[in-house]
Amino acid sequence: MSLGAFCLVLHGHLPYVLRHGRSPHGENWLFEAVAETYLPLLALVDELTFLRAKPAFALGLTPVLLEQLASDVFRKGFRAYLEERLARAAADRADFERAKEPVFVALADRWIEFYEARREQFEREGGDLCAAFARRRAQGLQILGSAATHAYLPLLADDSAVRAQIRAGLASSERLLGFRPQGFWLPECAYRPRGPWHGPVPWQGHPDRFGIERLLADEGVTHCFLEHRLVEQGRSAKVRHGDRWYDVDASEADKYPGQGWRSVHELHGIATDRDARGMVTAFARDARVCEQVWSGSIGYPADGAYLEFHKHRGEDRGLRYWKVTDKAVDLGRKQPYRPEDVPGRVHAQAMHFCNLVKDRLRAERARTGRTGLVVAAFDAELFGHWWFEGPAFLRDVLLTLNADPEVDVLTAEQALERYAPDKVLALPEGSWGEGSDHRVWADPRVHWIWEIEYRCEAMFGKLTYELPWRKDATLRELLQKAGRELLLLQASDWPFAITRGQAVDYGIKRFVLHVARFERLVDLCSRAAREPEALLTLDPVERHAVDDADLHDVVFPEVDLEWWNV
């Protein structure tokens, strides 16, 4: 008899970096992620299929990531990156040979094999990773949609801006993948219910805003993923009996805990307005299970046998030849990596993880008598990039659970079909960030970002409402370019980098650059509306501003200004 189901969810995202620097911040972030995470994930799906195990998991690919993977700029740069990595590994090997260090010679050979395999795999896929991921749907992979540039949706000032991020994201995924995802990864798992809105800085906004779930439902989204605390703190709103839904009061969940109210192992509908297109279902992350992977203290990646992420040979992100050794040991005392020690550790930890999943399902059965669902959600780059052995761990977990008659391995789509929610919660707002709230993205150190962002939102809304862009192709094209810059400056990555002290200068520079391009383009729009011939007399600086936006920002080529219409 099945104890329940397991649903693995990986969130794949990189901010827009093409033609915006190379190293230490910029394009190499993308190239490293593709080589160490995204190509290995494609290989994982194929390996599971070959071994007759279901590669049933959900992979979020943010639209801004897909747009970059579809670019010729990426393809050319990634091929050059692989050649540079191979040359570096060969040079390291020669150095180790001269120094008579056979252990490091063997490790350099492993890097040569690794990058040669990635190069061959990339060419087998024709350099088209969007099509490669889309093809894996036939093998059982689910691909999730997301907001266009990973904007932090609850803090945007107007519902039109939230709608535009959702619509632009789904349109981009549909164009590049060939289908429109119904599952949606909310950036940072950030959610806001209907009601009064208060941003991190004073701003004149609508007194009563739609909930995020309403805006998702209006675009045909059926399910999303949330931090566990939001479900655990939800208020009961509706219950289903047969084919009908009945309103209940907030005490229902407390009266009948055996019905699975507020359990992260149950699916819950999210309370929304009655006129939404449909109900959005919340999948809640199981924090206890996820902790075994992401925790810096008890997480598997801290095992001493695994490849050390932070220590590189030479400068400019050289190759890695050392193991974690001990998380308390400084980088100078790390020991050489021993690949032969790894498979046993991976397998043992995969078995521990699988047993933990089953323990969680047993506990849910004992508490409620109901069949549960364990959702394990992680950043995709944890596997392969940050934790080099991560893809092997996922392989062992999925192989083991696929072979276990007590656990069903399902995608989120399959889980929604099998375990349709019979309860609806009214949820609080929050995220999977520190404190489960908005503090990381609303930190006082980034208040200046929100002041500028809100002005840009308002300016763009005013122009798209007032200017005759539907009748003027030139004006429409300029506004579309400005809309692209607005989407890019809204990325949650810029305030995150500043608040977290990671690539602070890069985060500031990128935000300011997109704002400057946006403002120049909307100025030209206003001028063109006043003087229809103005674009024919652009001075060199103005012409450069238009051309520069197209040269550097090679994503979202098909911006639809109707995205911002409510």
Protein backbone atom coordinates (compact mmCIF):
# COMPACT_ATOMS: atom_id res chain seq x y z
CA MET A 1 0.00 0.00 0.00
CA SER A 2 1.35 3.41 -0.94
CA LEU A 3 2.27 5.72 1.92
CA GLY A 4 1.97 8.71 -0.38
CA ALA A 5 3.89 10.59 -3.01
CA PHE A 6 7.15 12.46 -3.48
CA CYS A 7 7.42 15.57 -5.64
CA LEU A 8 10.86 17.02 -6.46
CA VAL A 9 10.86 20.65 -7.62
CA LEU A 10 13.97 22.45 -8.88
CA HIS A 11 13.97 26.18 -9.47
CA GLY A 12 16.26 27.18 -12.34
CA HIS A 13 17.08 30.87 -12.61
CA LEU A 14 19.91 33.18 -13.64
CA PRO A 15 19.57 36.96 -13.92
CA TYR A 16 20.18 38.54 -17.28
CA VAL A 17 23.98 38.64 -17.72
CA LEU A 18 24.70 38.35 -21.46
CA ARG A 19 26.80 41.28 -22.69
CA HIS A 20 26.96 42.64 -19.15
CA GLY A 21 30.43 41.62 -17.99
CA ARG A 22 32.21 38.29 -17.93
CA SER A 23 34.15 37.70 -14.72
CA PRO A 24 34.01 37.73 -11.74
CA HIS A 25 30.37 38.77 -12.33
CA GLY A 26 28.51 38.38 -15.57
CA GLU A 27 28.37 35.79 -18.33
CA ASN A 28 30.50 33.21 -16.56
CA TRP A 29 27.68 32.78 -14.03
CA LEU A 30 25.50 31.52 -16.86
CA PHE A 31 28.20 29.40 -18.48
CA GLU A 32 29.11 27.72 -15.19
CA ALA A 33 25.46 26.98 -14.43
CA VAL A 34 24.85 25.43 -17.84
CA ALA A 35 27.99 23.27 -17.69
CA GLU A 36 27.58 22.15 -14.09
CA THR A 37 23.79 22.09 -13.58
CA TYR A 38 21.58 22.34 -16.66
CA LEU A 39 23.42 19.96 -18.98
CA PRO A 40 23.81 17.42 -16.11
CA LEU A 41 20.07 17.69 -15.42
CA LEU A 42 19.33 16.87 -19.06
CA ALA A 43 21.69 13.91 -18.75
CA LEU A 44 19.92 12.86 -15.53
CA VAL A 45 16.57 12.69 -17.32
CA ASP A 46 18.11 10.54 -20.06
CA GLU A 47 19.86 8.24 -17.58
CA LEU A 48 16.69 7.67 -15.58
CA THR A 49 14.79 6.93 -18.78
CA PHE A 50 17.46 4.47 -19.88
CA LEU A 51 17.23 2.71 -16.51
CA ARG A 52 13.44 2.52 -16.85
CA ALA A 53 12.81 4.87 -13.95
CA LYS A 54 10.41 7.79 -14.25
CA PRO A 55 12.25 11.14 -14.50
CA ALA A 56 9.15 12.63 -12.90
CA PHE A 57 10.12 15.95 -11.36
CA ALA A 58 9.32 19.60 -11.96
CA LEU A 59 11.98 21.99 -13.24
CA GLY A 60 11.37 25.70 -13.22
CA LEU A 61 13.15 27.57 -16.01
CA THR A 62 12.61 31.28 -15.60
CA PRO A 63 11.82 33.15 -18.81
CA VAL A 64 14.90 35.34 -18.50
CA LEU A 65 17.01 32.17 -18.28
CA LEU A 66 15.26 30.65 -21.32
CA GLU A 67 15.73 33.88 -23.28
CA GLN A 68 19.47 33.70 -22.63
CA LEU A 69 19.72 30.02 -23.52
CA ALA A 70 17.97 30.77 -26.83
CA SER A 71 20.43 33.53 -27.76
CA ASP A 72 23.22 33.12 -30.32
CA VAL A 73 25.29 35.30 -27.99
CA PHE A 74 25.02 32.56 -25.38
CA ARG A 75 25.82 29.74 -27.81
CA LYS A 76 28.96 31.43 -29.07
CA GLY A 77 30.09 32.42 -25.59
CA PHE A 78 29.41 29.00 -24.08
CA ARG A 79 31.43 27.19 -26.74
CA ALA A 80 34.33 29.56 -26.08
CA TYR A 81 33.93 29.01 -22.32
CA LEU A 82 34.19 25.22 -22.72
CA GLU A 83 37.34 25.60 -24.83
CA GLU A 84 38.86 27.87 -22.18
CA ARG A 85 38.04 25.35 -19.44
CA LEU A 86 39.60 22.53 -21.43
CA ALA A 87 42.73 24.57 -22.11
CA ARG A 88 42.98 25.45 -18.42
CA ALA A 89 42.63 21.80 -17.40
CA ALA A 90 45.33 20.78 -19.90
CA ALA A 91 47.66 23.50 -18.62
CA ASP A 92 47.02 22.43 -15.01
CA ARG A 93 47.76 18.84 -15.97
CA ALA A 94 51.10 19.83 -17.51
CA ASP A 95 52.00 21.77 -14.36
CA PHE A 96 51.14 18.82 -12.16
CA GLU A 97 53.18 16.47 -14.37
CA ARG A 98 56.24 18.71 -14.03
CA ALA A 99 55.73 18.87 -10.26
CA LYS A 100 55.33 15.07 -10.09
CA GLU A 101 51.91 15.25 -8.40
CA PRO A 102 50.05 12.20 -9.77
CA VAL A 103 46.94 12.73 -7.63
CA PHE A 104 46.39 16.15 -9.17
CA VAL A 105 47.25 14.86 -12.66
CA ALA A 106 44.38 12.38 -12.34
CA LEU A 107 42.04 15.14 -11.14
CA ALA A 108 42.98 17.35 -14.09
CA ASP A 109 42.21 14.40 -16.39
CA ARG A 110 38.77 14.21 -14.79
CA TRP A 111 38.13 17.86 -15.60
CA ILE A 112 39.19 17.27 -19.20
CA GLU A 113 36.75 14.36 -19.42
CA PHE A 114 34.01 16.43 -17.78
CA TYR A 115 34.25 19.39 -20.15
CA GLU A 116 34.70 17.20 -23.23
CA ALA A 117 31.50 15.38 -22.25
CA ARG A 118 29.66 18.70 -21.79
CA ARG A 119 30.89 19.91 -25.18
CA GLU A 120 29.75 16.71 -26.91
CA GLN A 121 26.39 16.84 -25.13
CA PHE A 122 25.83 20.48 -26.07
CA GLU A 123 26.51 19.74 -29.74
CA ARG A 124 24.26 16.64 -29.67
CA GLU A 125 21.45 18.95 -28.59
CA GLY A 126 22.28 21.26 -31.50
CA GLY A 127 23.16 24.03 -29.07
CA ASP A 128 19.42 24.55 -28.50
CA LEU A 129 18.79 23.92 -24.81
CA CYS A 130 15.26 25.32 -24.85
CA ALA A 131 14.27 22.66 -27.39
CA ALA A 132 16.26 20.06 -25.44
CA PHE A 133 14.29 20.68 -22.25
CA ALA A 134 11.00 20.83 -24.15
CA ARG A 135 11.73 17.41 -25.68
CA ARG A 136 12.23 15.90 -22.20
CA ARG A 137 8.57 16.51 -21.42
CA ALA A 138 7.84 13.37 -23.41
CA GLN A 139 10.05 11.45 -20.95
CA GLY A 140 8.15 12.74 -17.91
CA LEU A 141 9.83 16.06 -17.00
CA GLN A 142 7.52 18.93 -16.04
CA ILE A 143 8.68 22.47 -16.84
CA LEU A 144 7.34 25.37 -14.79
CA GLY A 145 6.79 28.95 -15.84
CA SER A 146 7.65 32.03 -13.83
CA ALA A 147 7.66 35.82 -13.86
CA ALA A 148 9.56 37.30 -16.80
CA THR A 149 12.66 38.56 -15.01
CA HIS A 150 12.14 37.03 -11.55
CA ALA A 151 10.62 40.22 -10.14
CA TYR A 152 9.65 40.21 -6.48
CA LEU A 153 5.93 40.37 -7.20
CA PRO A 154 4.44 41.34 -3.78
CA LEU A 155 6.48 44.56 -3.68
CA LEU A 156 5.64 45.85 -7.17
CA ALA A 157 3.51 48.98 -6.83
CA ASP A 158 0.64 48.16 -9.15
CA ASP A 159 -1.27 45.06 -10.23
CA SER A 160 -0.63 46.02 -13.85
CA ALA A 161 3.11 45.56 -13.24
CA VAL A 162 2.51 42.16 -11.64
CA ARG A 163 0.26 41.13 -14.52
CA ALA A 164 2.92 42.21 -17.03
CA GLN A 165 5.60 40.12 -15.34
CA ILE A 166 3.30 37.07 -15.32
CA ARG A 167 2.03 37.57 -18.88
CA ALA A 168 5.47 38.34 -20.30
CA GLY A 169 6.90 35.28 -18.57
CA LEU A 170 4.23 32.88 -19.81
CA ALA A 171 4.39 34.31 -23.33
CA SER A 172 8.18 33.91 -23.40
CA SER A 173 8.00 30.31 -22.16
CA GLU A 174 5.34 29.48 -24.74
CA ARG A 175 7.39 31.02 -27.56
CA LEU A 176 10.64 29.28 -26.60
CA LEU A 177 9.32 25.92 -25.37
CA GLY A 178 6.32 25.47 -27.61
CA PHE A 179 3.76 25.18 -24.81
CA ARG A 180 2.32 27.35 -22.04
CA PRO A 181 3.16 26.08 -18.54
CA GLN A 182 0.31 25.75 -16.05
CA GLY A 183 2.63 25.35 -13.07
CA PHE A 184 4.29 28.56 -11.88
CA TRP A 185 7.30 29.24 -9.71
CA LEU A 186 6.69 32.45 -7.79
CA PRO A 187 10.05 34.24 -7.56
CA GLU A 188 11.45 33.65 -4.07
CA CYS A 189 8.15 31.83 -3.33
CA ALA A 190 6.91 35.35 -2.55
CA TYR A 191 3.16 35.74 -2.12
CA ARG A 192 0.74 38.50 -1.15
CA PRO A 193 -3.03 38.01 -0.54
CA ARG A 194 -5.79 40.41 -1.44
CA GLY A 195 -6.05 43.50 0.67
CA PRO A 196 -4.32 46.76 1.51
CA TRP A 197 -0.82 47.07 0.09
CA HIS A 198 2.15 48.73 1.76
CA GLY A 199 5.48 48.90 -0.04
CA PRO A 200 8.89 49.28 1.58
CA VAL A 201 8.80 53.04 0.88
CA PRO A 202 5.82 55.43 0.94
CA TRP A 203 3.97 55.33 -2.36
CA GLN A 204 0.51 56.23 -3.57
CA GLY A 205 -0.94 52.87 -4.50
CA HIS A 206 -4.34 51.28 -4.76
CA PRO A 207 -5.87 50.82 -1.29
CA ASP A 208 -7.12 47.33 -2.11
CA ARG A 209 -5.04 45.03 -4.33
CA PHE A 210 -5.79 41.66 -5.88
CA GLY A 211 -4.00 38.67 -4.39
CA ILE A 212 -1.18 37.14 -6.43
CA GLU A 213 -3.25 33.97 -6.85
CA ARG A 214 -6.00 35.94 -8.64
CA LEU A 215 -3.51 37.34 -11.14
CA LEU A 216 -2.11 33.85 -11.74
CA ALA A 217 -5.55 32.31 -12.16
CA ASP A 218 -6.51 34.97 -14.69
CA GLU A 219 -3.66 33.72 -16.90
CA GLY A 220 -4.59 30.05 -16.63
CA VAL A 221 -2.05 29.04 -13.98
CA THR A 222 -3.28 26.10 -11.89
CA HIS A 223 -0.57 25.62 -9.24
CA CYS A 224 2.38 27.31 -7.57
CA PHE A 225 4.87 26.63 -4.77
CA LEU A 226 5.07 28.32 -1.38
CA GLU A 227 7.11 28.33 1.79
CA HIS A 228 5.76 25.98 4.46
CA ARG A 229 5.01 28.71 6.99
CA LEU A 230 2.44 30.37 4.74
CA VAL A 231 0.35 27.19 4.64
CA GLU A 232 0.91 26.44 8.32
CA GLN A 233 -0.36 29.93 9.22
CA GLY A 234 -3.30 29.93 6.79
CA ARG A 235 -6.96 30.40 7.79
CA SER A 236 -9.59 27.89 6.70
CA ALA A 237 -11.89 29.37 4.05
CA LYS A 238 -13.65 26.60 2.10
CA VAL A 239 -14.12 22.85 2.15
CA ARG A 240 -15.28 20.51 -0.59
CA HIS A 241 -17.94 17.88 -0.16
CA GLY A 242 -18.53 15.93 -3.33
CA ASP A 243 -18.55 18.36 -6.22
CA ARG A 244 -19.50 21.43 -4.21
CA TRP A 245 -17.48 23.94 -2.22
CA TYR A 246 -18.78 25.36 1.06
CA ASP A 247 -17.59 28.42 2.95
CA VAL A 248 -16.27 27.73 6.43
CA ASP A 249 -15.05 30.03 9.15
CA ALA A 250 -11.47 30.41 10.34
CA SER A 251 -12.03 28.00 13.23
CA GLU A 252 -12.68 25.02 10.92
CA ALA A 253 -8.98 24.14 10.69
CA ASP A 254 -8.65 24.09 14.48
CA LYS A 255 -11.80 22.01 14.93
CA TYR A 256 -10.83 19.31 12.45
CA PRO A 257 -7.03 18.92 12.31
CA GLY A 258 -7.47 15.32 11.21
CA GLN A 259 -8.67 16.57 7.83
CA GLY A 260 -5.16 17.74 7.02
CA TRP A 261 -5.75 21.46 7.41
CA ARG A 262 -2.53 23.49 7.21
CA SER A 263 -0.44 20.37 6.59
CA VAL A 264 2.49 20.78 4.20
CA HIS A 265 1.72 17.22 3.09
CA GLU A 266 -1.67 18.22 1.70
CA LEU A 267 -2.54 20.38 -1.29
CA HIS A 268 -4.61 23.45 -0.51
CA GLY A 269 -6.49 25.80 -2.77
CA ILE A 270 -5.67 29.47 -2.26
CA ALA A 271 -8.65 31.67 -1.39
CA THR A 272 -9.30 34.21 -4.13
CA ASP A 273 -12.06 36.29 -5.70
CA ARG A 274 -15.07 34.42 -7.02
CA ASP A 275 -14.68 35.78 -10.56
CA ALA A 276 -11.15 34.42 -11.11
CA ARG A 277 -10.73 32.01 -14.01
CA GLY A 278 -9.96 29.12 -11.69
CA MET A 279 -8.47 28.10 -8.39
CA VAL A 280 -4.72 28.06 -7.88
CA THR A 281 -3.39 25.20 -5.76
CA ALA A 282 -0.50 25.68 -3.34
CA PHE A 283 2.28 23.10 -2.98
CA ALA A 284 4.06 23.67 0.33
CA ARG A 285 7.74 22.88 0.75
CA ASP A 286 8.59 20.29 3.42
CA ALA A 287 11.21 22.17 5.44
CA ARG A 288 12.41 19.12 7.39
CA VAL A 289 13.20 17.17 4.24
CA CYS A 290 14.73 20.14 2.44
CA GLU A 291 16.94 20.97 5.41
CA GLN A 292 18.90 17.78 4.80
CA VAL A 293 20.18 19.26 1.56
CA TRP A 294 20.41 23.03 1.94
CA SER A 295 21.43 23.39 5.60
CA GLY A 296 24.98 24.58 6.11
CA SER A 297 25.25 22.63 9.35
CA ILE A 298 23.52 19.29 8.72
CA GLY A 299 23.15 19.34 4.93
CA TYR A 300 24.70 16.59 2.82
CA PRO A 301 26.82 18.96 0.66
CA ALA A 302 28.97 19.76 3.73
CA ASP A 303 30.26 16.17 3.79
CA GLY A 304 34.05 16.21 3.88
CA ALA A 305 34.37 13.88 0.86
CA TYR A 306 32.71 16.28 -1.56
CA LEU A 307 34.34 18.78 -3.89
CA GLU A 308 35.05 22.12 -2.21
CA PHE A 309 33.21 24.93 -3.99
CA HIS A 310 35.20 27.90 -2.75
CA LYS A 311 38.79 26.85 -3.40
CA HIS A 312 40.09 27.31 -6.94
CA ARG A 313 43.54 26.88 -8.47
CA GLY A 314 44.95 30.22 -9.47
CA GLU A 315 42.87 33.31 -10.10
CA ASP A 316 39.74 34.06 -12.15
CA ARG A 317 37.74 31.01 -11.09
CA GLY A 318 40.31 28.32 -11.76
CA LEU A 319 39.44 24.63 -11.51
CA ARG A 320 38.75 22.91 -8.20
CA TYR A 321 40.98 20.10 -6.95
CA TRP A 322 40.21 19.91 -3.22
CA LYS A 323 37.53 18.37 -1.04
CA VAL A 324 35.48 19.95 1.74
CA THR A 325 37.64 18.00 4.23
CA ASP A 326 35.84 19.64 7.16
CA LYS A 327 33.56 22.66 7.05
CA ALA A 328 35.52 24.15 9.96
CA VAL A 329 38.85 23.93 8.09
CA ASP A 330 40.07 27.04 6.30
CA LEU A 331 40.77 26.91 2.55
CA GLY A 332 44.53 26.59 3.03
CA ARG A 333 44.12 23.26 4.83
CA LYS A 334 41.76 21.54 2.38
CA GLN A 335 42.87 18.08 1.24
CA PRO A 336 42.97 16.77 -2.35
CA TYR A 337 39.67 15.51 -3.72
CA ARG A 338 39.35 11.70 -3.80
CA PRO A 339 36.65 10.71 -6.36
CA GLU A 340 36.75 7.09 -5.21
CA ASP A 341 35.35 8.13 -1.80
CA VAL A 342 32.28 9.82 -3.29
CA PRO A 343 29.86 7.13 -4.61
CA GLY A 344 29.47 5.49 -1.22
CA ARG A 345 28.73 8.79 0.51
CA VAL A 346 26.23 9.79 -2.19
CA HIS A 347 24.41 6.47 -1.94
CA ALA A 348 24.29 6.47 1.87
CA GLN A 349 22.90 10.01 1.96
CA ALA A 350 20.38 9.25 -0.78
CA MET A 351 19.13 6.30 1.30
CA HIS A 352 18.91 8.51 4.38
CA PHE A 353 16.93 11.07 2.39
CA CYS A 354 14.53 8.45 1.00
CA ASN A 355 13.93 7.04 4.48
CA LEU A 356 13.22 10.53 5.77
CA VAL A 357 10.64 11.05 3.02
CA LYS A 358 8.92 7.82 4.03
CA ASP A 359 9.06 8.74 7.71
CA ARG A 360 7.30 12.02 6.93
CA LEU A 361 4.60 10.21 4.97
CA ARG A 362 4.12 7.65 7.77
CA ALA A 363 3.77 10.45 10.31
CA GLU A 364 1.12 12.14 8.18
CA ARG A 365 -0.78 8.86 7.83
CA ALA A 366 -0.62 8.30 11.60
CA ARG A 367 -1.80 11.86 12.33
CA THR A 368 -4.66 12.13 9.85
CA GLY A 369 -5.21 8.70 8.34
CA ARG A 370 -4.75 10.35 4.95
CA THR A 371 -2.28 9.82 2.12
CA GLY A 372 0.31 12.59 2.06
CA LEU A 373 2.62 14.31 -0.39
CA VAL A 374 6.21 15.37 0.34
CA VAL A 375 7.38 18.36 -1.71
CA ALA A 376 11.15 18.91 -1.83
CA ALA A 377 11.92 22.24 -3.51
CA PHE A 378 15.43 23.59 -4.12
CA ASP A 379 17.36 26.01 -6.28
CA ALA A 380 18.46 23.95 -9.27
CA GLU A 381 22.02 25.28 -9.16
CA LEU A 382 22.55 23.66 -5.80
CA PHE A 383 22.88 20.42 -7.76
CA GLY A 384 26.05 20.32 -9.81
CA HIS A 385 27.20 23.91 -9.49
CA TRP A 386 27.32 24.45 -5.73
CA TRP A 387 27.25 20.75 -4.89
CA PHE A 388 29.17 19.00 -7.66
CA GLU A 389 27.91 15.56 -6.65
CA GLY A 390 24.30 16.76 -6.48
CA PRO A 391 23.09 15.25 -9.79
CA ALA A 392 24.37 11.82 -8.68
CA PHE A 393 22.46 12.26 -5.41
CA LEU A 394 19.25 13.09 -7.31
CA ARG A 395 19.79 10.04 -9.53
CA ASP A 396 20.09 7.71 -6.53
CA VAL A 397 17.07 9.27 -4.80
CA LEU A 398 14.83 9.02 -7.84
CA LEU A 399 15.98 5.50 -8.69
CA THR A 400 15.35 4.36 -5.11
CA LEU A 401 11.93 5.95 -4.73
CA ASN A 402 10.84 4.80 -8.18
CA ALA A 403 11.60 1.22 -7.09
CA ASP A 404 9.81 1.59 -3.74
CA PRO A 405 6.17 0.37 -3.84
CA GLU A 406 5.32 2.54 -0.84
CA VAL A 407 6.09 5.86 -2.58
CA ASP A 408 4.77 7.31 -5.83
CA VAL A 409 7.18 9.65 -7.63
CA LEU A 410 5.10 12.36 -9.30
CA THR A 411 5.46 15.66 -11.05
CA ALA A 412 3.43 18.51 -9.60
CA GLU A 413 0.95 18.18 -12.49
CA GLN A 414 0.46 14.50 -11.70
CA ALA A 415 0.15 15.18 -7.98
CA LEU A 416 -2.50 17.84 -8.62
CA GLU A 417 -4.52 15.38 -10.70
CA ARG A 418 -4.24 12.61 -8.12
CA TYR A 419 -4.54 14.67 -4.93
CA ALA A 420 -6.88 17.49 -5.94
CA PRO A 421 -7.35 19.77 -2.93
CA ASP A 422 -10.50 19.48 -0.84
CA LYS A 423 -9.69 22.53 1.31
CA VAL A 424 -9.04 26.22 0.64
CA LEU A 425 -6.90 28.45 2.84
CA ALA A 426 -6.63 32.21 3.09
CA LEU A 427 -2.88 32.69 3.29
CA PRO A 428 -0.66 35.35 4.86
CA GLU A 429 2.02 37.04 2.82
CA GLY A 430 5.64 35.96 2.85
CA SER A 431 8.47 34.23 1.01
CA TRP A 432 11.10 31.52 1.42
CA GLY A 433 13.67 34.19 2.27
CA GLU A 434 15.05 34.99 5.71
CA GLY A 435 12.26 35.24 8.25
CA SER A 436 9.77 33.94 5.66
CA ASP A 437 8.89 37.56 4.91
CA HIS A 438 10.02 40.35 2.57
CA ARG A 439 12.91 41.65 4.65
CA VAL A 440 15.72 40.65 2.27
CA TRP A 441 14.15 42.54 -0.65
CA ALA A 442 12.68 45.38 1.42
CA ASP A 443 15.84 46.07 3.44
CA PRO A 444 16.53 49.79 4.11
CA ARG A 445 19.74 49.45 2.07
CA VAL A 446 17.63 49.01 -1.07
CA HIS A 447 14.82 51.48 -0.38
CA TRP A 448 16.35 53.75 -3.03
CA ILE A 449 15.83 50.97 -5.59
CA TRP A 450 12.11 50.78 -4.81
CA GLU A 451 11.68 54.56 -4.97
CA ILE A 452 13.14 54.55 -8.48
CA GLU A 453 11.29 51.40 -9.54
CA TYR A 454 7.94 52.82 -8.47
CA ARG A 455 8.57 56.02 -10.42
CA CYS A 456 9.44 53.95 -13.50
CA GLU A 457 6.26 51.89 -13.10
CA ALA A 458 4.14 55.03 -12.85
CA MET A 459 5.88 56.73 -15.77
CA PHE A 460 5.44 53.73 -18.04
CA GLY A 461 1.80 53.29 -17.05
CA LYS A 462 1.10 56.95 -17.82
CA LEU A 463 2.73 56.79 -21.25
CA THR A 464 1.09 53.52 -22.33
CA TYR A 465 -2.26 55.01 -21.32
CA GLU A 466 -1.83 58.45 -22.91
CA LEU A 467 0.33 57.98 -26.02
CA PRO A 468 -1.18 56.80 -29.35
CA TRP A 469 1.13 53.81 -29.72
CA ARG A 470 -1.58 51.61 -31.23
CA LYS A 471 -1.63 53.90 -34.30
CA ASP A 472 2.06 54.81 -34.46
CA ALA A 473 4.49 51.94 -35.19
CA THR A 474 7.60 54.00 -34.35
CA LEU A 475 6.19 55.10 -31.02
CA ARG A 476 5.10 51.53 -30.28
CA GLU A 477 8.62 50.22 -30.96
CA LEU A 478 10.20 52.73 -28.59
CA LEU A 479 7.70 51.90 -25.85
CA GLN A 480 8.35 48.20 -26.35
CA LYS A 481 12.08 48.78 -25.82
CA ALA A 482 11.28 50.80 -22.69
CA GLY A 483 9.01 47.97 -21.49
CA ARG A 484 11.88 45.52 -21.86
CA GLU A 485 14.11 47.76 -19.72
CA LEU A 486 11.34 48.06 -17.12
CA LEU A 487 11.09 44.27 -16.88
CA LEU A 488 14.88 43.99 -16.53
CA LEU A 489 15.22 46.65 -13.83
CA GLN A 490 12.47 44.90 -11.81
CA ALA A 491 14.56 41.72 -11.34
CA SER A 492 14.71 40.66 -7.70
CA ASP A 493 18.39 39.78 -8.19
CA TRP A 494 19.58 43.39 -7.91
CA PRO A 495 18.23 44.16 -4.39
CA PHE A 496 19.14 40.63 -3.29
CA ALA A 497 22.78 41.09 -4.34
CA ILE A 498 22.97 44.38 -2.44
CA THR A 499 21.25 43.24 0.75
CA ARG A 500 23.23 40.02 0.90
CA GLY A 501 26.55 41.71 0.19
CA GLN A 502 27.08 39.47 -2.85
CA ALA A 503 28.27 41.31 -5.97
CA VAL A 504 27.02 44.60 -4.51
CA ASP A 505 28.73 46.79 -7.11
CA TYR A 506 27.43 44.61 -9.93
CA GLY A 507 23.86 44.73 -8.59
CA ILE A 508 23.94 48.52 -8.28
CA LYS A 509 25.49 48.96 -11.72
CA ARG A 510 23.00 46.69 -13.45
CA PHE A 511 19.97 48.32 -11.87
CA VAL A 512 21.20 51.83 -12.65
CA LEU A 513 22.06 50.91 -16.25
CA HIS A 514 18.57 49.57 -16.95
CA VAL A 515 16.98 52.59 -15.30
CA ALA A 516 19.11 54.94 -17.42
CA ARG A 517 18.12 53.14 -20.62
CA PHE A 518 14.48 53.11 -19.57
CA GLU A 519 14.45 56.84 -18.84
CA ARG A 520 16.19 57.72 -22.10
CA LEU A 521 13.69 55.65 -24.08
CA VAL A 522 10.61 57.08 -22.38
CA ASP A 523 12.00 60.60 -22.89
CA LEU A 524 12.26 59.83 -26.61
CA CYS A 525 8.70 58.47 -26.55
CA SER A 526 7.39 61.69 -25.04
CA ARG A 527 9.31 63.76 -27.54
CA ALA A 528 8.12 61.64 -30.47
CA ALA A 529 4.51 62.06 -29.33
CA ARG A 530 4.92 65.84 -29.27
CA GLU A 531 6.99 66.04 -32.46
CA PRO A 532 6.19 63.19 -34.89
CA GLU A 533 9.35 63.91 -36.90
CA ALA A 534 11.63 63.96 -33.85
CA LEU A 535 13.05 60.48 -34.45
CA LEU A 536 14.35 61.57 -37.83
CA THR A 537 16.52 64.19 -36.15
CA LEU A 538 18.01 62.23 -33.25
CA ASP A 539 21.42 63.49 -32.27
CA PRO A 540 24.29 60.94 -32.01
CA VAL A 541 23.85 60.52 -28.25
CA GLU A 542 20.13 59.81 -28.60
CA ARG A 543 20.67 57.38 -31.47
CA HIS A 544 23.36 55.63 -29.45
CA ALA A 545 20.91 55.21 -26.55
CA VAL A 546 18.43 53.39 -28.77
CA ASP A 547 21.07 51.22 -30.42
CA ASP A 548 22.83 50.50 -27.13
CA ALA A 549 19.67 49.03 -25.59
CA ASP A 550 19.33 46.58 -28.48
CA LEU A 551 23.05 45.74 -28.47
CA HIS A 552 23.30 44.90 -24.77
CA ASP A 553 19.82 43.63 -23.94
CA VAL A 554 19.27 40.75 -26.38
CA VAL A 555 16.23 39.23 -24.64
CA PHE A 556 12.43 39.61 -24.83
CA PRO A 557 12.36 40.63 -28.50
CA GLU A 558 8.55 40.49 -28.67
CA VAL A 559 7.27 42.81 -25.94
CA ASP A 560 3.48 43.25 -26.05
CA LEU A 561 2.32 46.52 -24.52
CA GLU A 562 -1.07 44.95 -23.80
CA TRP A 563 0.66 42.96 -21.06
CA TRP A 564 0.31 46.02 -18.83
CA ASN A 565 -3.41 46.45 -19.46
CA VAL A 566 -5.60 45.33 -16.59
